[in-house]
């Protein structure tokens, strides 16, 4: 009888150890799942933030471009000097704010033409493939071109 009672106690101990191991494995799996959830959640937050920045920049871009066009045709008359100064300050502030969101102007004049960042609007006499003149600035948000720069590209003259 004692052997039978010991076997029951041993069996119960073995069952308890198996149950303990099962619970431990379930806990480890749940902890790993939670860590994966936190990582995915952080990635989603970053994606949402980048999307919000892109949306904000795309909404403000036309205003910045319009202000820059207005500045090109601003009167040089002394009467409008303060107005032009204010317009320049507004443009600079808007550019600074956009830069803080990750926006950068695409380099143009003197650079080699790159169709992924530049849009050739005209060809002018000059070094083949080099950008001679910027017609309209282009912009990159982080690493993505959101507006290609409109440029005049050099072309060797045919004599």
N, C-alpha and C. Protein backbone atom coordinates (compact mmCIF):
# COMPACT_ATOMS: atom_id res chain seq x y z
N UNK A 1 0.80 -1.19 0.00
CA UNK A 1 0.00 0.00 0.00
C UNK A 1 0.85 1.26 0.00
N UNK A 2 1.94 1.24 0.68
CA UNK A 2 2.79 2.39 0.75
C UNK A 2 3.37 2.71 -0.62
N UNK A 3 3.72 1.66 -1.39
CA UNK A 3 4.24 1.88 -2.74
C UNK A 3 3.19 2.55 -3.63
N UNK A 4 1.96 2.11 -3.51
CA UNK A 4 0.88 2.66 -4.32
C UNK A 4 0.64 4.13 -3.94
N UNK A 5 0.67 4.43 -2.66
CA UNK A 5 0.48 5.81 -2.19
C UNK A 5 1.64 6.69 -2.66
N UNK A 6 2.89 6.19 -2.61
CA UNK A 6 4.06 6.93 -3.09
C UNK A 6 3.95 7.20 -4.58
N UNK A 7 3.45 6.20 -5.34
CA UNK A 7 3.30 6.38 -6.79
C UNK A 7 2.28 7.49 -7.08
N UNK A 8 1.19 7.53 -6.33
CA UNK A 8 0.18 8.57 -6.51
C UNK A 8 0.78 9.95 -6.19
N UNK A 9 1.55 10.03 -5.12
CA UNK A 9 2.18 11.29 -4.76
C UNK A 9 3.21 11.69 -5.82
N UNK A 10 4.00 10.72 -6.31
CA UNK A 10 4.98 10.99 -7.35
C UNK A 10 4.30 11.40 -8.64
N UNK A 11 3.24 10.70 -8.95
CA UNK A 11 2.50 11.03 -10.16
C UNK A 11 1.92 12.44 -10.04
N UNK A 12 1.40 12.75 -8.91
CA UNK A 12 0.86 14.09 -8.69
C UNK A 12 1.97 15.13 -8.79
N UNK A 13 3.13 14.82 -8.28
CA UNK A 13 4.26 15.74 -8.38
C UNK A 13 4.68 15.92 -9.83
N UNK A 14 4.72 14.84 -10.60
CA UNK A 14 5.07 14.90 -12.03
C UNK A 14 4.02 15.72 -12.79
N UNK A 15 2.76 15.50 -12.46
CA UNK A 15 1.69 16.25 -13.11
C UNK A 15 1.80 17.75 -12.77
N UNK A 16 2.13 18.02 -11.53
CA UNK A 16 2.30 19.41 -11.13
C UNK A 16 3.48 20.06 -11.84
N UNK A 17 4.55 19.33 -12.01
CA UNK A 17 5.72 19.86 -12.71
C UNK A 17 5.38 20.12 -14.18
N UNK A 18 4.62 19.21 -14.80
CA UNK A 18 4.20 19.41 -16.20
C UNK A 18 3.29 20.63 -16.32
N UNK A 19 2.37 20.74 -15.37
CA UNK A 19 1.45 21.89 -15.38
C UNK A 19 2.24 23.20 -15.19
N UNK A 20 3.21 23.17 -14.26
CA UNK A 20 4.06 24.33 -14.01
C UNK A 20 4.83 24.71 -15.27
N UNK A 21 5.40 23.73 -15.95
CA UNK A 21 6.14 23.97 -17.19
C UNK A 21 5.22 24.54 -18.27
N UNK A 22 4.01 24.01 -18.38
CA UNK A 22 3.03 24.51 -19.35
C UNK A 22 2.67 25.97 -19.06
N UNK A 23 2.43 26.27 -17.79
CA UNK A 23 2.10 27.65 -17.41
C UNK A 23 3.28 28.60 -17.67
N UNK A 24 4.50 28.14 -17.39
CA UNK A 24 5.69 28.95 -17.63
C UNK A 24 5.84 29.24 -19.13
N UNK A 25 5.64 28.23 -19.96
CA UNK A 25 5.73 28.41 -21.41
C UNK A 25 4.65 29.37 -21.92
N UNK A 26 3.45 29.25 -21.38
CA UNK A 26 2.37 30.17 -21.77
C UNK A 26 2.71 31.60 -21.37
N UNK A 27 3.28 31.77 -20.18
CA UNK A 27 3.68 33.10 -19.73
C UNK A 27 4.75 33.68 -20.64
N UNK A 28 5.75 32.87 -21.01
CA UNK A 28 6.82 33.34 -21.90
C UNK A 28 6.25 33.74 -23.26
N UNK A 29 5.31 32.95 -23.78
CA UNK A 29 4.69 33.26 -25.07
C UNK A 29 3.90 34.57 -24.98
N UNK A 30 3.16 34.75 -23.90
CA UNK A 30 2.39 35.98 -23.71
C UNK A 30 3.31 37.19 -23.58
N UNK A 31 4.42 37.03 -22.87
CA UNK A 31 5.38 38.14 -22.72
C UNK A 31 5.98 38.50 -24.08
N UNK A 32 6.31 37.49 -24.89
CA UNK A 32 6.86 37.74 -26.23
C UNK A 32 5.82 38.42 -27.12
N UNK A 33 4.58 37.96 -27.04
CA UNK A 33 3.50 38.58 -27.82
C UNK A 33 3.32 40.04 -27.43
N UNK A 34 3.42 40.33 -26.14
CA UNK A 34 3.27 41.71 -25.67
C UNK A 34 4.41 42.58 -26.19
N UNK A 35 5.63 42.07 -26.16
CA UNK A 35 6.78 42.82 -26.69
C UNK A 35 6.59 43.11 -28.18
N UNK A 36 6.10 42.12 -28.94
CA UNK A 36 5.83 42.32 -30.37
C UNK A 36 4.74 43.37 -30.57
N UNK A 37 3.71 43.33 -29.72
CA UNK A 37 2.64 44.32 -29.79
C UNK A 37 3.19 45.73 -29.56
N UNK A 38 4.04 45.88 -28.53
CA UNK A 38 4.61 47.20 -28.24
C UNK A 38 5.45 47.69 -29.42
N UNK A 39 6.24 46.81 -30.02
CA UNK A 39 7.09 47.19 -31.16
C UNK A 39 6.21 47.62 -32.34
N UNK A 40 5.18 46.83 -32.65
CA UNK A 40 4.28 47.19 -33.76
C UNK A 40 3.56 48.50 -33.48
N UNK A 41 3.18 48.71 -32.23
CA UNK A 41 2.50 49.94 -31.85
C UNK A 41 3.41 51.15 -32.06
N UNK A 42 4.68 51.04 -31.68
CA UNK A 42 5.64 52.13 -31.90
C UNK A 42 5.82 52.40 -33.39
N UNK A 43 5.92 51.34 -34.18
CA UNK A 43 6.07 51.50 -35.63
C UNK A 43 4.84 52.20 -36.21
N UNK A 44 3.65 51.82 -35.75
CA UNK A 44 2.42 52.47 -36.22
C UNK A 44 2.39 53.95 -35.85
N UNK A 45 2.83 54.28 -34.64
CA UNK A 45 2.88 55.69 -34.23
C UNK A 45 3.80 56.48 -35.14
N UNK A 46 4.97 55.91 -35.46
CA UNK A 46 5.92 56.59 -36.34
C UNK A 46 5.32 56.79 -37.73
N UNK A 47 4.65 55.76 -38.25
CA UNK A 47 4.02 55.88 -39.56
C UNK A 47 2.95 56.96 -39.57
N UNK A 48 2.14 57.01 -38.52
CA UNK A 48 1.08 58.02 -38.43
C UNK A 48 1.68 59.41 -38.35
N UNK A 49 2.76 59.57 -37.58
CA UNK A 49 3.42 60.87 -37.47
C UNK A 49 3.99 61.30 -38.82
N UNK A 50 4.63 60.38 -39.54
CA UNK A 50 5.18 60.71 -40.86
C UNK A 50 4.06 61.07 -41.83
N UNK A 51 2.95 60.35 -41.77
CA UNK A 51 1.81 60.66 -42.64
C UNK A 51 1.25 62.04 -42.31
N UNK A 52 1.15 62.36 -41.03
CA UNK A 52 0.64 63.68 -40.62
C UNK A 52 1.56 64.79 -41.11
N UNK A 53 2.88 64.56 -41.01
CA UNK A 53 3.83 65.55 -41.51
C UNK A 53 3.67 65.73 -43.01
N UNK A 54 3.57 64.62 -43.72
CA UNK A 54 3.43 64.69 -45.18
C UNK A 54 2.15 65.42 -45.57
N UNK A 55 1.08 65.13 -44.87
CA UNK A 55 -0.19 65.80 -45.15
C UNK A 55 -0.10 67.30 -44.87
N UNK A 56 0.51 67.66 -43.74
CA UNK A 56 0.67 69.07 -43.38
C UNK A 56 1.50 69.81 -44.43
N UNK A 57 2.62 69.21 -44.80
CA UNK A 57 3.50 69.83 -45.78
C UNK A 57 2.79 69.97 -47.12
N UNK A 58 2.08 68.93 -47.54
CA UNK A 58 1.41 69.00 -48.84
C UNK A 58 0.30 70.06 -48.85
N UNK A 59 -0.31 70.32 -47.69
CA UNK A 59 -1.34 71.36 -47.61
C UNK A 59 -0.73 72.76 -47.60
N UNK A 60 0.47 72.91 -47.01
CA UNK A 60 1.11 74.22 -46.92
C UNK A 60 1.94 74.58 -48.15
N UNK A 61 2.36 73.57 -48.91
CA UNK A 61 3.23 73.81 -50.07
C UNK A 61 2.67 74.82 -51.07
N UNK A 62 1.42 74.70 -51.48
CA UNK A 62 0.90 75.68 -52.44
C UNK A 62 0.98 77.12 -51.93
N UNK A 63 0.75 77.31 -50.64
CA UNK A 63 0.84 78.66 -50.07
C UNK A 63 2.26 79.18 -50.14
N UNK A 64 3.23 78.34 -49.80
CA UNK A 64 4.63 78.75 -49.87
C UNK A 64 5.02 79.08 -51.31
N UNK A 65 4.62 78.24 -52.24
CA UNK A 65 4.95 78.49 -53.64
C UNK A 65 4.29 79.77 -54.14
N UNK A 66 3.07 80.01 -53.75
CA UNK A 66 2.38 81.24 -54.17
C UNK A 66 3.08 82.47 -53.60
N UNK A 67 3.48 82.41 -52.33
CA UNK A 67 4.18 83.54 -51.73
C UNK A 67 5.51 83.80 -52.45
N UNK A 68 6.21 82.74 -52.82
CA UNK A 68 7.47 82.91 -53.54
C UNK A 68 7.24 83.53 -54.92
N UNK A 69 6.14 83.16 -55.57
CA UNK A 69 5.81 83.75 -56.87
C UNK A 69 5.46 85.23 -56.70
N UNK A 70 4.72 85.56 -55.65
CA UNK A 70 4.36 86.96 -55.38
C UNK A 70 5.64 87.77 -55.18
N UNK A 71 6.61 87.20 -54.45
CA UNK A 71 7.86 87.89 -54.18
C UNK A 71 8.63 88.18 -55.47
N UNK A 72 8.57 87.25 -56.42
CA UNK A 72 9.27 87.46 -57.70
C UNK A 72 8.74 88.70 -58.43
N UNK A 73 7.45 88.95 -58.27
CA UNK A 73 6.83 90.06 -59.00
C UNK A 73 6.51 91.25 -58.10
N UNK A 74 7.09 91.25 -56.91
CA UNK A 74 6.85 92.36 -55.98
C UNK A 74 7.47 93.64 -56.55
N UNK A 75 6.80 94.74 -56.36
CA UNK A 75 7.32 96.01 -56.87
C UNK A 75 8.60 96.41 -56.13
N UNK A 76 9.51 97.00 -56.87
CA UNK A 76 10.77 97.45 -56.26
C UNK A 76 10.66 98.89 -55.76
N UNK A 77 9.52 99.46 -55.91
CA UNK A 77 9.23 100.83 -55.47
C UNK A 77 9.45 100.96 -53.96
N UNK A 78 10.04 102.06 -53.53
CA UNK A 78 10.34 102.31 -52.11
C UNK A 78 9.07 102.28 -51.25
N UNK A 79 7.94 102.59 -51.85
CA UNK A 79 6.67 102.60 -51.13
C UNK A 79 6.35 101.22 -50.57
N UNK A 80 6.74 100.16 -51.27
CA UNK A 80 6.41 98.80 -50.89
C UNK A 80 7.55 98.08 -50.16
N UNK A 81 8.59 98.82 -49.78
CA UNK A 81 9.78 98.23 -49.16
C UNK A 81 9.41 97.42 -47.90
N UNK A 82 8.62 98.00 -46.99
CA UNK A 82 8.23 97.31 -45.76
C UNK A 82 7.36 96.09 -46.07
N UNK A 83 6.50 96.22 -47.06
CA UNK A 83 5.63 95.12 -47.46
C UNK A 83 6.48 93.95 -47.96
N UNK A 84 7.46 94.22 -48.80
CA UNK A 84 8.34 93.18 -49.35
C UNK A 84 9.17 92.55 -48.23
N UNK A 85 9.65 93.36 -47.30
CA UNK A 85 10.41 92.84 -46.16
C UNK A 85 9.53 91.89 -45.33
N UNK A 86 8.30 92.27 -45.10
CA UNK A 86 7.37 91.42 -44.36
C UNK A 86 7.07 90.12 -45.09
N UNK A 87 6.93 90.23 -46.40
CA UNK A 87 6.66 89.04 -47.22
C UNK A 87 7.86 88.08 -47.15
N UNK A 88 9.08 88.63 -47.26
CA UNK A 88 10.28 87.80 -47.16
C UNK A 88 10.36 87.11 -45.80
N UNK A 89 10.04 87.84 -44.74
CA UNK A 89 10.09 87.27 -43.39
C UNK A 89 9.05 86.16 -43.24
N UNK A 90 7.89 86.35 -43.82
CA UNK A 90 6.84 85.33 -43.77
C UNK A 90 7.28 84.07 -44.50
N UNK A 91 7.86 84.25 -45.67
CA UNK A 91 8.36 83.11 -46.45
C UNK A 91 9.45 82.37 -45.68
N UNK A 92 10.37 83.13 -45.09
CA UNK A 92 11.46 82.50 -44.33
C UNK A 92 10.92 81.71 -43.14
N UNK A 93 9.94 82.26 -42.45
CA UNK A 93 9.35 81.56 -41.30
C UNK A 93 8.64 80.29 -41.74
N UNK A 94 7.89 80.37 -42.83
CA UNK A 94 7.19 79.20 -43.35
C UNK A 94 8.19 78.13 -43.80
N UNK A 95 9.27 78.55 -44.46
CA UNK A 95 10.31 77.59 -44.89
C UNK A 95 10.96 76.93 -43.67
N UNK A 96 11.22 77.71 -42.62
CA UNK A 96 11.83 77.17 -41.40
C UNK A 96 10.90 76.15 -40.75
N UNK A 97 9.62 76.48 -40.66
CA UNK A 97 8.65 75.56 -40.08
C UNK A 97 8.57 74.27 -40.89
N UNK A 98 8.57 74.40 -42.20
CA UNK A 98 8.50 73.22 -43.07
C UNK A 98 9.77 72.38 -42.94
N UNK A 99 10.90 73.05 -42.79
CA UNK A 99 12.17 72.35 -42.62
C UNK A 99 12.16 71.53 -41.34
N UNK A 100 11.57 72.08 -40.29
CA UNK A 100 11.45 71.35 -39.02
C UNK A 100 10.58 70.11 -39.16
N UNK A 101 9.69 70.10 -40.14
CA UNK A 101 8.86 68.93 -40.41
C UNK A 101 9.59 67.91 -41.29
N UNK A 102 10.81 68.26 -41.74
CA UNK A 102 11.59 67.33 -42.55
C UNK A 102 11.67 67.70 -44.02
N UNK A 103 11.18 68.88 -44.39
CA UNK A 103 11.17 69.32 -45.78
C UNK A 103 12.50 69.96 -46.16
N UNK A 104 13.01 69.60 -47.32
CA UNK A 104 14.26 70.20 -47.81
C UNK A 104 14.07 70.57 -49.27
N UNK A 105 14.70 71.70 -49.66
CA UNK A 105 14.69 72.09 -51.06
C UNK A 105 15.66 71.20 -51.83
N UNK A 106 15.28 70.89 -53.04
CA UNK A 106 16.15 70.10 -53.90
C UNK A 106 17.18 71.03 -54.52
N UNK A 107 18.44 70.62 -54.49
CA UNK A 107 19.51 71.41 -55.10
C UNK A 107 19.32 71.37 -56.61
N UNK A 108 19.59 72.51 -57.24
CA UNK A 108 19.35 72.59 -58.69
C UNK A 108 20.54 73.17 -59.44
N UNK A 109 20.67 74.48 -59.50
CA UNK A 109 21.64 75.14 -60.36
C UNK A 109 23.05 74.60 -60.09
N UNK A 110 23.70 74.16 -61.19
CA UNK A 110 25.05 73.62 -61.10
C UNK A 110 25.09 72.12 -60.88
N UNK A 111 23.95 71.52 -60.53
CA UNK A 111 23.88 70.08 -60.29
C UNK A 111 23.61 69.34 -61.60
N UNK A 112 23.91 68.05 -61.62
CA UNK A 112 23.55 67.21 -62.77
C UNK A 112 22.05 66.93 -62.72
N UNK A 113 21.42 66.91 -63.87
CA UNK A 113 19.99 66.63 -63.95
C UNK A 113 19.72 65.20 -63.48
N UNK A 114 18.76 65.06 -62.59
CA UNK A 114 18.34 63.75 -62.08
C UNK A 114 16.83 63.66 -62.26
N UNK A 115 16.35 62.80 -63.17
CA UNK A 115 14.91 62.76 -63.44
C UNK A 115 14.06 62.33 -62.24
N UNK A 116 14.67 61.75 -61.23
CA UNK A 116 13.89 61.38 -60.04
C UNK A 116 13.62 62.58 -59.14
N UNK A 117 14.41 63.67 -59.34
CA UNK A 117 14.24 64.86 -58.49
C UNK A 117 13.96 66.13 -59.28
N UNK A 118 14.25 66.10 -60.56
CA UNK A 118 14.10 67.31 -61.38
C UNK A 118 13.16 67.04 -62.54
N UNK A 119 12.46 68.08 -62.96
CA UNK A 119 11.62 68.03 -64.15
C UNK A 119 12.15 69.07 -65.12
N UNK A 120 12.62 68.59 -66.27
CA UNK A 120 13.19 69.51 -67.27
C UNK A 120 12.04 70.21 -67.99
N UNK A 121 12.01 71.53 -67.88
CA UNK A 121 10.97 72.34 -68.51
C UNK A 121 11.47 72.89 -69.84
N UNK A 122 12.77 73.17 -69.89
CA UNK A 122 13.36 73.68 -71.13
C UNK A 122 14.82 73.28 -71.23
N UNK A 123 15.33 73.35 -72.44
CA UNK A 123 16.75 73.11 -72.68
C UNK A 123 17.37 74.42 -73.13
N UNK A 124 18.53 74.71 -72.59
CA UNK A 124 19.24 75.93 -72.95
C UNK A 124 20.68 75.56 -73.27
N UNK A 125 21.36 76.46 -73.94
CA UNK A 125 22.74 76.19 -74.29
C UNK A 125 23.58 76.15 -73.01
N UNK A 126 24.39 75.12 -72.89
CA UNK A 126 25.24 74.96 -71.72
C UNK A 126 25.78 73.56 -71.65
N UNK A 127 26.42 73.25 -70.54
CA UNK A 127 27.01 71.93 -70.37
C UNK A 127 25.91 70.86 -70.39
N UNK A 128 26.10 69.85 -71.19
CA UNK A 128 25.12 68.77 -71.37
C UNK A 128 24.73 68.14 -70.03
N UNK A 129 23.44 68.12 -69.74
CA UNK A 129 22.92 67.45 -68.55
C UNK A 129 23.03 68.24 -67.25
N UNK A 130 23.63 69.43 -67.31
CA UNK A 130 23.77 70.23 -66.09
C UNK A 130 22.59 71.19 -65.98
N UNK A 131 22.14 71.43 -64.76
CA UNK A 131 21.03 72.35 -64.54
C UNK A 131 21.57 73.78 -64.60
N UNK A 132 21.01 74.56 -65.50
CA UNK A 132 21.45 75.93 -65.73
C UNK A 132 20.61 76.93 -64.93
N UNK A 133 19.32 76.65 -64.81
CA UNK A 133 18.43 77.61 -64.16
C UNK A 133 17.30 76.87 -63.44
N UNK A 134 16.93 77.36 -62.27
CA UNK A 134 15.77 76.82 -61.55
C UNK A 134 14.56 77.65 -61.91
N UNK A 135 13.54 76.99 -62.38
CA UNK A 135 12.31 77.69 -62.74
C UNK A 135 11.33 77.68 -61.56
N UNK A 136 11.24 76.54 -60.90
CA UNK A 136 10.41 76.44 -59.70
C UNK A 136 11.10 75.45 -58.75
N UNK A 137 11.20 75.79 -57.46
CA UNK A 137 11.90 74.89 -56.54
C UNK A 137 11.13 73.58 -56.34
N UNK A 138 11.89 72.55 -56.03
CA UNK A 138 11.30 71.26 -55.71
C UNK A 138 11.62 70.92 -54.27
N UNK A 139 10.91 69.95 -53.73
CA UNK A 139 11.07 69.64 -52.31
C UNK A 139 11.07 68.15 -52.05
N UNK A 140 11.86 67.78 -51.03
CA UNK A 140 11.94 66.40 -50.55
C UNK A 140 11.46 66.41 -49.10
N UNK A 141 10.58 65.48 -48.77
CA UNK A 141 10.14 65.31 -47.39
C UNK A 141 10.78 64.03 -46.89
N UNK A 142 11.71 64.19 -45.95
CA UNK A 142 12.54 63.09 -45.46
C UNK A 142 13.31 62.51 -46.64
N UNK A 143 12.92 61.40 -47.22
CA UNK A 143 13.65 60.87 -48.38
C UNK A 143 12.77 60.80 -49.61
N UNK A 144 11.56 61.30 -49.52
CA UNK A 144 10.58 61.18 -50.60
C UNK A 144 10.41 62.52 -51.33
N UNK A 145 10.56 62.49 -52.66
CA UNK A 145 10.34 63.69 -53.46
C UNK A 145 8.83 63.94 -53.51
N UNK A 146 8.43 65.11 -52.99
CA UNK A 146 6.99 65.41 -53.04
C UNK A 146 6.66 66.37 -54.17
N UNK A 147 7.63 67.22 -54.54
CA UNK A 147 7.47 68.11 -55.69
C UNK A 147 8.82 68.16 -56.40
N UNK A 148 8.88 67.68 -57.65
CA UNK A 148 10.16 67.76 -58.36
C UNK A 148 10.48 69.22 -58.73
N UNK A 149 11.75 69.55 -58.74
CA UNK A 149 12.17 70.90 -59.12
C UNK A 149 12.02 71.06 -60.64
N UNK A 150 11.44 72.17 -61.05
CA UNK A 150 11.32 72.46 -62.48
C UNK A 150 12.55 73.26 -62.89
N UNK A 151 13.27 72.75 -63.90
CA UNK A 151 14.57 73.34 -64.23
C UNK A 151 14.78 73.46 -65.73
N UNK A 152 15.78 74.29 -66.06
CA UNK A 152 16.27 74.39 -67.44
C UNK A 152 17.59 73.64 -67.46
N UNK A 153 17.72 72.72 -68.42
CA UNK A 153 18.89 71.84 -68.48
C UNK A 153 19.75 72.23 -69.67
N UNK A 154 21.08 72.14 -69.47
CA UNK A 154 22.01 72.48 -70.51
C UNK A 154 22.03 71.46 -71.65
N UNK A 155 22.22 71.99 -72.83
CA UNK A 155 22.31 71.17 -74.03
C UNK A 155 23.38 71.78 -74.90
N UNK A 156 24.29 70.96 -75.40
CA UNK A 156 25.35 71.48 -76.25
C UNK A 156 24.74 71.98 -77.54
N UNK A 157 25.26 73.11 -78.00
CA UNK A 157 24.73 73.70 -79.24
C UNK A 157 25.21 72.90 -80.43
N UNK A 158 24.37 72.83 -81.41
CA UNK A 158 24.70 72.12 -82.65
C UNK A 158 25.18 73.15 -83.65
N UNK A 159 26.43 73.06 -84.04
CA UNK A 159 26.98 74.03 -85.01
C UNK A 159 27.21 73.38 -86.33
